[in-house]
Amino acid sequence: MSLLSLSRIGHAFFGRTVLEGITLEIGAGEVVALVGPSGSGKSTIAHIAAGLIEPREGRIARSYRRHAMVFQEPRLMPWATVEQNIGFPLRLSRHPRSTRRAAAGAAAEAAGLLPADLGKYPVELSGGMRQRTAIARALVTAPDFVYFDEPFTALDVALKRRMQDLVIASAARASFAALFITHDLMEAIRVSHRILVLDRLGRGIAGERRLAGDPGARDEAAIFAQRQAFLTGDPLFAHIHELDERLRP
């Protein structure tokens, strides 16, 4: 069953077209990575799909019950503790305080945070702990769809790997579907079931590749080999690292 469907989505900023003819579908329990050059419109697609931006044209069908989003920056409230940040979506939906505390604690534990971390403020956290808090906040409402907008770009390689493993484990445990925006092909191969490649000028999805096996079952050698095969022998991936900024004619 399709949980998210975009059909012929188009968008423009200040009169300049940035997306045309974007069509994609994501099924239940499926993690789909969207890759493409920097500036090609990947994050804009995620924001349109999540309802944060209204597209200029096209149709969006959302069949999931509830979605959450993890951004490039953790976007934590600096005046609130870890527990309060994680529980904020529940507060908005008027869950009782006792329920919020229990749910925030469970989400924090699932994200690898310790009970001692719950009373800390964002300024007291490392970059990885802040991102764990953001992931716990996204998952506390038990969404069946999650948008990841390049969430680990600012992290070092070792920490990025741990965060990717957290996403893989969380998706397997909670069976949510996800659209994962990334410019890192290794990351896309590691976390997803299927990779979509955005046209370098945002003119539709250039193509897709379904990956063998499930996320979490691929070892590092297999992930690296797949990356090399894509970059050296698959024309679909020829331009994904080509542009830093898109200038449309």
Protein backbone atom coordinates (compact mmCIF):
# COMPACT_ATOMS: atom_id res chain seq x y z
CA MET A 1 0.00 0.00 0.00
CA SER A 2 1.30 3.43 -0.91
CA LEU A 3 1.61 5.80 2.06
CA LEU A 4 2.93 8.75 0.08
CA SER A 5 2.35 9.60 -3.55
CA LEU A 6 3.57 12.69 -5.40
CA SER A 7 2.29 13.21 -8.92
CA ARG A 8 3.75 15.80 -11.32
CA ILE A 9 4.82 18.16 -8.55
CA GLY A 10 6.21 21.51 -9.66
CA HIS A 11 7.43 24.47 -7.68
CA ALA A 12 9.08 27.85 -8.10
CA PHE A 13 10.79 30.36 -5.81
CA PHE A 14 10.48 34.07 -6.72
CA GLY A 15 9.43 33.17 -10.24
CA ARG A 16 12.32 30.73 -10.81
CA THR A 17 11.31 27.13 -11.44
CA VAL A 18 13.08 24.74 -9.08
CA LEU A 19 11.07 21.53 -9.55
CA GLU A 20 9.14 20.05 -12.46
CA GLY A 21 7.26 16.79 -12.90
CA ILE A 22 8.27 15.16 -9.61
CA THR A 23 6.50 11.82 -9.30
CA LEU A 24 7.23 9.19 -6.65
CA GLU A 25 5.57 6.67 -4.37
CA ILE A 26 6.62 5.17 -1.03
CA GLY A 27 4.99 2.05 0.37
CA ALA A 28 4.30 0.95 3.94
CA GLY A 29 7.46 0.07 5.85
CA GLU A 30 9.68 1.20 2.98
CA VAL A 31 12.65 3.53 3.48
CA VAL A 32 13.40 5.41 0.27
CA ALA A 33 16.50 7.57 -0.13
CA LEU A 34 16.45 10.57 -2.46
CA VAL A 35 19.85 11.63 -3.76
CA GLY A 36 20.99 14.28 -6.20
CA PRO A 37 23.42 17.19 -6.57
CA SER A 38 23.47 19.95 -3.99
CA GLY A 39 20.89 22.54 -4.94
CA SER A 40 18.79 20.21 -7.09
CA GLY A 41 15.72 20.53 -4.85
CA LYS A 42 15.82 17.41 -2.65
CA SER A 43 14.89 19.19 0.58
CA THR A 44 12.18 21.18 -1.19
CA ILE A 45 10.56 17.90 -2.25
CA ALA A 46 10.57 16.66 1.34
CA HIS A 47 9.09 19.92 2.62
CA ILE A 48 6.36 19.83 -0.04
CA ALA A 49 5.58 16.18 0.72
CA ALA A 50 5.34 16.93 4.45
CA GLY A 51 3.03 19.88 3.86
CA LEU A 52 5.50 22.58 4.93
CA ILE A 53 5.49 24.13 1.46
CA GLU A 54 2.55 24.37 -0.93
CA PRO A 55 3.57 23.25 -4.44
CA ARG A 56 2.83 25.33 -7.50
CA GLU A 57 1.30 22.35 -9.26
CA GLY A 58 0.74 18.63 -8.94
CA ARG A 59 -1.03 16.27 -6.57
CA ILE A 60 -0.04 14.84 -3.18
CA ALA A 61 -1.73 11.82 -1.60
CA ARG A 62 -0.84 10.95 1.99
CA SER A 63 -2.27 7.70 3.34
CA TYR A 64 -0.29 7.53 6.56
CA ARG A 65 -1.84 8.22 9.95
CA ARG A 66 0.84 10.48 11.37
CA HIS A 67 4.19 11.78 10.19
CA ALA A 68 7.25 13.30 11.85
CA MET A 69 10.32 15.10 10.52
CA VAL A 70 14.01 15.19 11.40
CA PHE A 71 15.81 18.24 10.00
CA GLN A 72 19.44 19.01 9.17
CA GLU A 73 19.68 20.88 12.47
CA PRO A 74 18.18 19.36 15.64
CA ARG A 75 16.07 22.50 16.20
CA LEU A 76 15.75 21.92 19.94
CA MET A 77 14.25 24.50 22.26
CA PRO A 78 17.26 25.82 24.21
CA TRP A 79 15.20 26.67 27.31
CA ALA A 80 13.74 23.14 27.57
CA THR A 81 15.31 19.96 28.91
CA VAL A 82 15.85 16.85 26.81
CA GLU A 83 12.71 15.33 28.31
CA GLN A 84 10.68 18.45 27.58
CA ASN A 85 11.99 18.67 24.01
CA ILE A 86 11.14 15.04 23.32
CA GLY A 87 7.71 15.34 24.90
CA PHE A 88 6.78 18.60 23.16
CA PRO A 89 4.74 16.97 20.34
CA LEU A 90 2.72 15.15 23.02
CA ARG A 91 2.18 18.41 24.86
CA LEU A 92 0.84 19.96 21.67
CA SER A 93 -1.63 17.11 21.34
CA ARG A 94 -2.66 17.57 25.00
CA HIS A 95 -1.44 14.25 26.36
CA PRO A 96 -1.44 14.12 30.19
CA ARG A 97 1.85 15.08 31.80
CA SER A 98 2.35 11.63 33.32
CA THR A 99 1.86 10.02 29.92
CA ARG A 100 4.25 12.50 28.31
CA ARG A 101 7.01 11.71 30.80
CA ALA A 102 6.71 7.96 30.33
CA ALA A 103 6.58 8.23 26.54
CA ALA A 104 9.51 10.68 26.42
CA GLY A 105 11.57 8.36 28.59
CA ALA A 106 10.82 5.38 26.36
CA ALA A 107 11.64 7.34 23.18
CA ALA A 108 14.87 8.62 24.72
CA GLU A 109 15.92 5.09 25.65
CA ALA A 110 15.16 3.86 22.13
CA ALA A 111 17.35 6.66 20.75
CA GLY A 112 20.25 5.65 22.99
CA LEU A 113 19.92 8.41 25.58
CA LEU A 114 20.39 7.65 29.29
CA PRO A 115 17.97 8.57 32.10
CA ALA A 116 20.62 11.01 33.35
CA ASP A 117 20.40 12.88 30.04
CA LEU A 118 16.69 13.72 30.39
CA GLY A 119 17.27 16.69 32.70
CA LYS A 120 20.01 18.25 30.56
CA TYR A 121 19.60 21.28 28.33
CA PRO A 122 20.70 21.35 24.67
CA VAL A 123 23.77 23.45 25.47
CA GLU A 124 25.00 20.58 27.64
CA LEU A 125 24.72 18.00 24.85
CA SER A 126 27.16 16.90 22.20
CA GLY A 127 26.13 17.12 18.54
CA GLY A 128 25.28 13.44 18.49
CA MET A 129 23.17 13.68 21.64
CA ARG A 130 21.28 16.66 20.22
CA GLN A 131 20.49 14.67 17.09
CA ARG A 132 19.46 11.65 19.18
CA THR A 133 17.07 13.97 21.02
CA ALA A 134 15.64 15.20 17.73
CA ILE A 135 15.11 11.63 16.54
CA ALA A 136 13.46 10.68 19.85
CA ARG A 137 11.17 13.71 19.53
CA ALA A 138 10.18 12.58 16.03
CA LEU A 139 9.43 9.03 17.15
CA VAL A 140 7.64 9.79 20.43
CA THR A 141 4.26 10.04 18.73
CA ALA A 142 4.73 6.63 17.00
CA PRO A 143 4.49 7.98 13.44
CA ASP A 144 4.05 5.57 10.56
CA PHE A 145 5.95 7.92 8.22
CA VAL A 146 9.12 9.94 8.89
CA TYR A 147 10.84 12.57 6.74
CA PHE A 148 14.61 12.80 7.21
CA ASP A 149 16.05 15.98 5.67
CA GLU A 150 19.83 15.38 5.52
CA PRO A 151 19.85 14.90 9.31
CA PHE A 152 23.48 13.80 9.70
CA THR A 153 25.31 16.16 7.33
CA ALA A 154 27.13 18.03 10.10
CA LEU A 155 28.31 14.92 11.99
CA ASP A 156 31.69 13.24 11.68
CA VAL A 157 31.96 9.88 9.94
CA ALA A 158 31.90 7.65 13.03
CA LEU A 159 29.00 9.50 14.63
CA LYS A 160 27.10 9.58 11.35
CA ARG A 161 27.36 5.79 11.17
CA ARG A 162 25.92 5.42 14.67
CA MET A 163 23.02 7.71 13.78
CA GLN A 164 22.36 5.73 10.60
CA ASP A 165 22.29 2.53 12.63
CA LEU A 166 19.79 4.18 14.96
CA VAL A 167 17.50 5.02 12.03
CA ILE A 168 17.80 1.48 10.64
CA ALA A 169 16.98 -0.09 14.01
CA SER A 170 14.11 2.35 14.68
CA ALA A 171 12.54 1.76 11.26
CA ALA A 172 12.77 -2.02 11.71
CA ARG A 173 11.33 -1.87 15.24
CA ALA A 174 8.50 0.59 14.55
CA SER A 175 7.89 -0.42 10.90
CA PHE A 176 7.55 3.18 9.75
CA ALA A 177 8.07 4.26 6.15
CA ALA A 178 10.47 7.09 5.41
CA LEU A 179 11.74 9.51 2.80
CA PHE A 180 15.43 10.04 3.54
CA ILE A 181 17.07 13.04 1.85
CA THR A 182 20.83 12.78 1.53
CA HIS A 183 23.75 13.77 -0.70
CA ASP A 184 25.82 10.87 0.68
CA LEU A 185 25.51 7.79 -1.54
CA MET A 186 27.04 5.50 1.11
CA GLU A 187 24.38 6.71 3.55
CA ALA A 188 21.63 6.12 1.00
CA ILE A 189 22.80 2.56 0.40
CA ARG A 190 23.11 1.85 4.11
CA VAL A 191 19.70 3.06 5.29
CA SER A 192 17.27 2.47 2.43
CA HIS A 193 15.44 -0.20 0.49
CA ARG A 194 15.37 1.87 -2.69
CA ILE A 195 17.27 4.89 -4.04
CA LEU A 196 15.68 7.60 -6.19
CA VAL A 197 17.96 9.93 -8.15
CA LEU A 198 16.70 13.45 -8.74
CA ASP A 199 17.44 15.03 -12.09
CA ARG A 200 20.27 17.51 -11.64
CA LEU A 201 17.98 20.38 -12.65
CA GLY A 202 14.97 19.17 -10.68
CA ARG A 203 13.15 17.99 -13.80
CA GLY A 204 11.62 14.84 -12.39
CA ILE A 205 13.10 11.69 -10.93
CA ALA A 206 15.87 10.55 -13.29
CA GLY A 207 15.60 6.94 -12.18
CA GLU A 208 15.64 4.52 -9.28
CA ARG A 209 17.61 1.52 -8.06
CA ARG A 210 16.27 -1.13 -5.68
CA LEU A 211 18.89 -2.46 -3.29
CA ALA A 212 19.40 -6.13 -2.47
CA GLY A 213 18.63 -7.17 1.10
CA ASP A 214 17.31 -5.07 3.95
CA PRO A 215 18.95 -2.06 5.62
CA GLY A 216 21.14 -3.30 8.43
CA ALA A 217 21.90 -6.60 6.66
CA ARG A 218 24.55 -5.12 4.35
CA ASP A 219 28.12 -5.17 5.57
CA GLU A 220 30.59 -2.35 4.94
CA ALA A 221 32.33 -4.15 2.12
CA ALA A 222 29.04 -4.68 0.28
CA ILE A 223 27.99 -1.06 0.82
CA PHE A 224 31.31 0.26 -0.48
CA ALA A 225 31.24 -2.10 -3.47
CA GLN A 226 27.71 -0.99 -4.34
CA ARG A 227 28.73 2.66 -4.12
CA GLN A 228 31.67 2.09 -6.45
CA ALA A 229 29.49 0.19 -8.89
CA PHE A 230 26.98 3.03 -8.97
CA LEU A 231 29.59 5.76 -9.41
CA THR A 232 31.79 4.01 -11.97
CA GLY A 233 29.36 1.90 -13.95
CA ASP A 234 25.87 3.33 -13.66
CA PRO A 235 25.10 6.45 -15.73
CA LEU A 236 22.16 7.29 -13.45
CA PHE A 237 24.65 8.41 -10.78
CA ALA A 238 27.00 10.32 -13.09
CA HIS A 239 25.92 13.78 -11.94
CA ILE A 240 25.02 13.38 -8.27
CA HIS A 241 28.21 15.10 -7.07
CA GLU A 242 28.53 17.48 -9.99
CA LEU A 243 26.92 20.72 -8.82
CA ASP A 244 27.24 22.79 -5.69
CA GLU A 245 24.54 25.17 -6.77
CA ARG A 246 21.87 24.81 -9.43
CA LEU A 247 21.56 27.59 -12.00
CA ARG A 248 18.64 26.94 -14.31
CA PRO A 249 18.70 28.34 -17.82
